[in-house]
C-alpha cells in the first residue's frame, strides 16, 4: 500500500479522527483510517495530525475537543 506525502485532510477525515480517537488506540485508528480513506497515511503522519488538531483523550473527556465547522475547514 502506498502512502501519500503531504496529505491534505478533508473535513470528513478530521471528523473521523476526532470521533474515533477516544475509543481506539493510535495503531487501530490508523488501520481504520487507511481502510476508509485510501491510499492512506503513515502512522507517524496520523500521530502528527492528531497533535496538530489538539485532540487528546483528556481534552475530549472535558469537551475541550469540540471544533466548529470553520475550524475544521481551516485545518
C-alpha atoms as a PDB file:
ATOM      1  CA  UNK A   1       0.000   0.000   0.000  1.00  0.00           C
ATOM      2  CA  UNK A   2       1.440   3.368  -0.954  1.00  0.00           C
ATOM      3  CA  UNK A   3       1.152   6.299   1.379  1.00  0.00           C
ATOM      4  CA  UNK A   4       0.732   9.890   0.325  1.00  0.00           C
ATOM      5  CA  UNK A   5       3.230  12.575   1.284  1.00  0.00           C
ATOM      6  CA  UNK A   6       1.873  15.924   2.387  1.00  0.00           C
ATOM      7  CA  UNK A   7      -1.679  14.580   2.653  1.00  0.00           C
ATOM      8  CA  UNK A   8      -4.372  17.286   2.808  1.00  0.00           C
ATOM      9  CA  UNK A   9      -7.004  16.153   5.284  1.00  0.00           C
ATOM     10  CA  UNK A  10     -10.648  16.695   4.401  1.00  0.00           C
ATOM     11  CA  UNK A  11     -13.274  17.710   6.941  1.00  0.00           C
ATOM     12  CA  UNK A  12     -14.624  14.159   6.826  1.00  0.00           C
ATOM     13  CA  UNK A  13     -11.210  12.726   7.681  1.00  0.00           C
ATOM     14  CA  UNK A  14     -10.725  15.161  10.569  1.00  0.00           C
ATOM     15  CA  UNK A  15     -14.189  14.302  11.915  1.00  0.00           C
ATOM     16  CA  UNK A  16     -13.304  10.609  11.707  1.00  0.00           C
ATOM     17  CA  UNK A  17     -10.130  11.186  13.744  1.00  0.00           C
ATOM     18  CA  UNK A  18     -11.901  13.284  16.376  1.00  0.00           C
ATOM     19  CA  UNK A  19     -14.816  10.856  16.714  1.00  0.00           C
ATOM     20  CA  UNK A  20     -12.725   7.700  16.973  1.00  0.00           C
ATOM     21  CA  UNK A  21      -9.547   8.765  18.788  1.00  0.00           C
ATOM     22  CA  UNK A  22     -11.166   8.495  22.222  1.00  0.00           C
ATOM     23  CA  UNK A  23     -12.294   4.896  21.671  1.00  0.00           C
ATOM     24  CA  UNK A  24      -9.300   3.352  19.881  1.00  0.00           C
ATOM     25  CA  UNK A  25      -5.538   3.314  20.248  1.00  0.00           C
ATOM     26  CA  UNK A  26      -3.489   5.018  17.547  1.00  0.00           C
ATOM     27  CA  UNK A  27      -2.483   1.821  15.737  1.00  0.00           C
ATOM     28  CA  UNK A  28      -6.095   0.649  15.454  1.00  0.00           C
ATOM     29  CA  UNK A  29      -7.210   4.131  14.426  1.00  0.00           C
ATOM     30  CA  UNK A  30      -4.513   4.191  11.748  1.00  0.00           C
ATOM     31  CA  UNK A  31      -5.672   0.860  10.322  1.00  0.00           C
ATOM     32  CA  UNK A  32      -9.309   2.019  10.311  1.00  0.00           C
ATOM     33  CA  UNK A  33      -8.369   5.368   8.731  1.00  0.00           C
ATOM     34  CA  UNK A  34      -6.331   3.737   5.962  1.00  0.00           C
ATOM     35  CA  UNK A  35      -9.116   1.270   5.161  1.00  0.00           C
ATOM     36  CA  UNK A  36     -11.726   4.033   4.911  1.00  0.00           C
ATOM     37  CA  UNK A  37      -9.625   6.692   3.156  1.00  0.00           C
ATOM     38  CA  UNK A  38      -7.242   5.133   0.620  1.00  0.00           C
ATOM     39  CA  UNK A  39      -4.383   5.446  -0.253  1.00  0.00           C
ATOM     40  CA  UNK A  40      -3.861   6.152   3.438  1.00  0.00           C
ATOM     41  CA  UNK A  41      -1.280   7.849   5.607  1.00  0.00           C
ATOM     42  CA  UNK A  42       1.562   6.518   7.713  1.00  0.00           C
ATOM     43  CA  UNK A  43       1.223   6.067  11.458  1.00  0.00           C
ATOM     44  CA  UNK A  44       3.715   8.893  12.006  1.00  0.00           C
ATOM     45  CA  UNK A  45       1.683  11.256   9.805  1.00  0.00           C
ATOM     46  CA  UNK A  46      -1.533  10.373  11.618  1.00  0.00           C
ATOM     47  CA  UNK A  47       0.085  10.997  15.013  1.00  0.00           C
ATOM     48  CA  UNK A  48       1.328  14.360  13.758  1.00  0.00           C
ATOM     49  CA  UNK A  49      -2.198  15.307  12.609  1.00  0.00           C
ATOM     50  CA  UNK A  50      -3.650  14.264  15.976  1.00  0.00           C
ATOM     51  CA  UNK A  51      -1.148  16.531  17.747  1.00  0.00           C
ATOM     52  CA  UNK A  52      -1.775  19.352  15.252  1.00  0.00           C
ATOM     53  CA  UNK A  53      -5.524  19.437  15.833  1.00  0.00           C
ATOM     54  CA  UNK A  54      -5.040  19.128  19.607  1.00  0.00           C
ATOM     55  CA  UNK A  55      -7.090  16.009  20.069  1.00  0.00           C
ATOM     56  CA  UNK A  56      -6.188  14.297  23.315  1.00  0.00           C
ATOM     57  CA  UNK A  57      -8.245  11.870  25.307  1.00  0.00           C
ATOM     58  CA  UNK A  58      -8.200  14.274  28.264  1.00  0.00           C
ATOM     59  CA  UNK A  59      -9.464  17.190  26.153  1.00  0.00           C
ATOM     60  CA  UNK A  60     -12.216  15.066  24.603  1.00  0.00           C
ATOM     61  CA  UNK A  61     -13.416  13.927  28.035  1.00  0.00           C
ATOM     62  CA  UNK A  62     -13.605  17.540  29.219  1.00  0.00           C
ATOM     63  CA  UNK A  63     -15.251  18.670  25.934  1.00  0.00           C
ATOM     64  CA  UNK A  64     -12.282  20.867  25.017  1.00  0.00           C
ATOM     65  CA  UNK A  65     -12.006  18.947  21.748  1.00  0.00           C
ATOM     66  CA  UNK A  66     -15.111  20.446  20.164  1.00  0.00           C
ATOM     67  CA  UNK A  67     -14.467  22.083  16.818  1.00  0.00           C
ATOM     68  CA  UNK A  68     -16.655  24.310  14.738  1.00  0.00           C
ATOM     69  CA  UNK A  69     -17.027  23.666  11.029  1.00  0.00           C
ATOM     70  CA  UNK A  70     -14.898  26.760  10.329  1.00  0.00           C
ATOM     71  CA  UNK A  71     -12.057  25.358  12.448  1.00  0.00           C
ATOM     72  CA  UNK A  72     -12.221  22.003  10.667  1.00  0.00           C
ATOM     73  CA  UNK A  73     -12.233  23.703   7.249  1.00  0.00           C
ATOM     74  CA  UNK A  74      -9.175  25.708   8.253  1.00  0.00           C
ATOM     75  CA  UNK A  75      -7.292  22.535   9.211  1.00  0.00           C
END
